[in-house]
Amino acid sequence: MDGLQMLFGGGLPGFPNGIRTWEDWQAFAKAVQTAGDPHALDFKAGLSGVPAIRLESLEATLRSVVEREETFRLFRRLQPVPTFSSVAEWATQVGIGGDLADAFHSETSDIRGDAGQYKRNVLRVKYLMTRAEITLAALQQRTILGGGDDLKARENVNATLRILRALEWALFQGDEDVVPTQFNGIKAWLAKEFPDHIFDLQGSSNAEDLYNAIYEAFGRTIGPEGGFGKITDVYLSPTVQNDLDLYLAPQWRVPLSENPRAIEYGAPVVGIRTSYGDVATVQDVWIEDPNAAHLTTPAEVRTRGRISPEAPGAPTVTATAVASDAESRFGPEHAGTYYYAVAALGEGGEGPLSAIEAATVAEGGAVDITITPPAGYGQTGYAIYRSTRNPATAPTPADLRLVARIPAGSDPTQPMTWRDRNHEIPGSATVYLLDMSPEAIDWTQLMPMLQYPLAPVKATVPWAVLLFGALKLGIPQRHWVVKNYLPKAARWKPF
């Protein structure tokens, strides 16, 4: 509050002693509402206006949007946990000390002891924000949505949905090494801390292989390796759900009812049965898979050309075949010609695509993608796209699918090379095996969703919607990822 007193010189009309308490601040905020702002519920006519600065809680709007929008399914399940700093810390006990049978002693021996093991964890809060505005003229007109207030309410919902869309996507696929303003999603978190908790099906389309990965993960979670937890939910894309409905063996299905036909092939799979317990299946349309063109095509395709002007420019790319690589997973069924393109990533989003380049890879080979940064730099990472094998015609950007997102390197001004060994398969699906107990996963929140009026500099009413927080895997070893599953039901095929 002293900063405000300094800014306004201490002698404010009606505040002779300055602004020193929260009550003073609230009174001051009410006194300086922007004149004519129809959203200021406590506006007092006749006061001269200055930029609106009153924060307005939007928690009820967030709740109603989430309850109506079934697509944000993981965020709706996460318990919000408040934090009071942009850097949240917590401790995890990882052991009780000692060994299996070290409590046995002789009658007169010295009594041995030990202590538990603990780990300090750190989480950085991220800032989700979006701007919205409507013109003063629009406020005075009637539209197909109703009056001006109805239009503003609609734009407010749109802004809220933009926040929630980014949040739900990042819960799974966010990576702060690629874009530092993002929080780490489940996959990036496990890749850093528990890489052995990522199962790689290497392009399998067999539902039994997927079931075996789920079964093994559950078995490892109930013991010390998984922190004595359990797998409660399998989050998957609609395409993978379709595969389970059509191809998962009946004995591995949780029945819908006592009707024996409820577990036949083709019946909906609402849960997966294991010896350790049943696991619920949860479809989420924000998990990347081959049919999710709204997630896995280049930004210039999925946004219909409306790329953010703040996104980095297009890089320059060359694709060069490598004759042999010891770590290659290009088998004989994968050898052929592929087309590649790259887009730069930054805080402003994904930029335009590079030119599309071709390379022909042999069995046991690889492809080197050399990326020259865009003019102006600004990129923190790159999104790499690939075509199907041996396409009949030269592909367009809409024919490409995401291979990987990678960091831009330690010096973003210099070219870099990324090698495609077929370890990350475009058009494959990822499945998330989670323990949804609050101690294992939550949404750590510095500030709930707020509406923040902005200062108008033209004939508009601008405002921002804000949400500050991050995903926290409180016990990350209870979570697992299965990658590179190729659904049989997918329309886009990589090979």
Foldseek 3Di string as FASTA:
>chain_A
DVVQCVVVVCCDVVRNRRQDDPVSVVVVLQQADDPPPPVNPSHDPPGHHDFRFDWFDCVVVLVVLCVVDCQLPVQVLFAEDEDADQKDKDKDFQFADDDDPQQDDPPPDDGDDTGTDMDMDIFGKAKQKDKDWDFPVQQCDQDPLGHNVSVVVVRVSVQSVVSSLVASLQLACNDCLQEVRGGHHLVNVCVVPPVVLEAEPLQAQAVVVVVVNQQVLQVCLCDSLNPNFGFAEKEWAPLVQQLCLAHPDLVQADAPDPPSCSSDRNHGGQWTDDPNGIHGYDHHLSFDALVNLCHWFAPCVNVVNPQFPLFFEEKEKEKEKFAADPLAPCAQVNFAKKKKWKWFQYPSGTYDIYDIYMYTYHGRIKMKIKIQAGPPQRGQKMWMWMAAGPDPDDDDSSRITTQDIGTCDPDVNGIDIDMGRSSGFGRKGKMKGARSDNQQKHKYFNDAWIKTWGGDPDRMTMIMIMTMTHIDGNRSSSMHMYINHHHPSRPGDRD
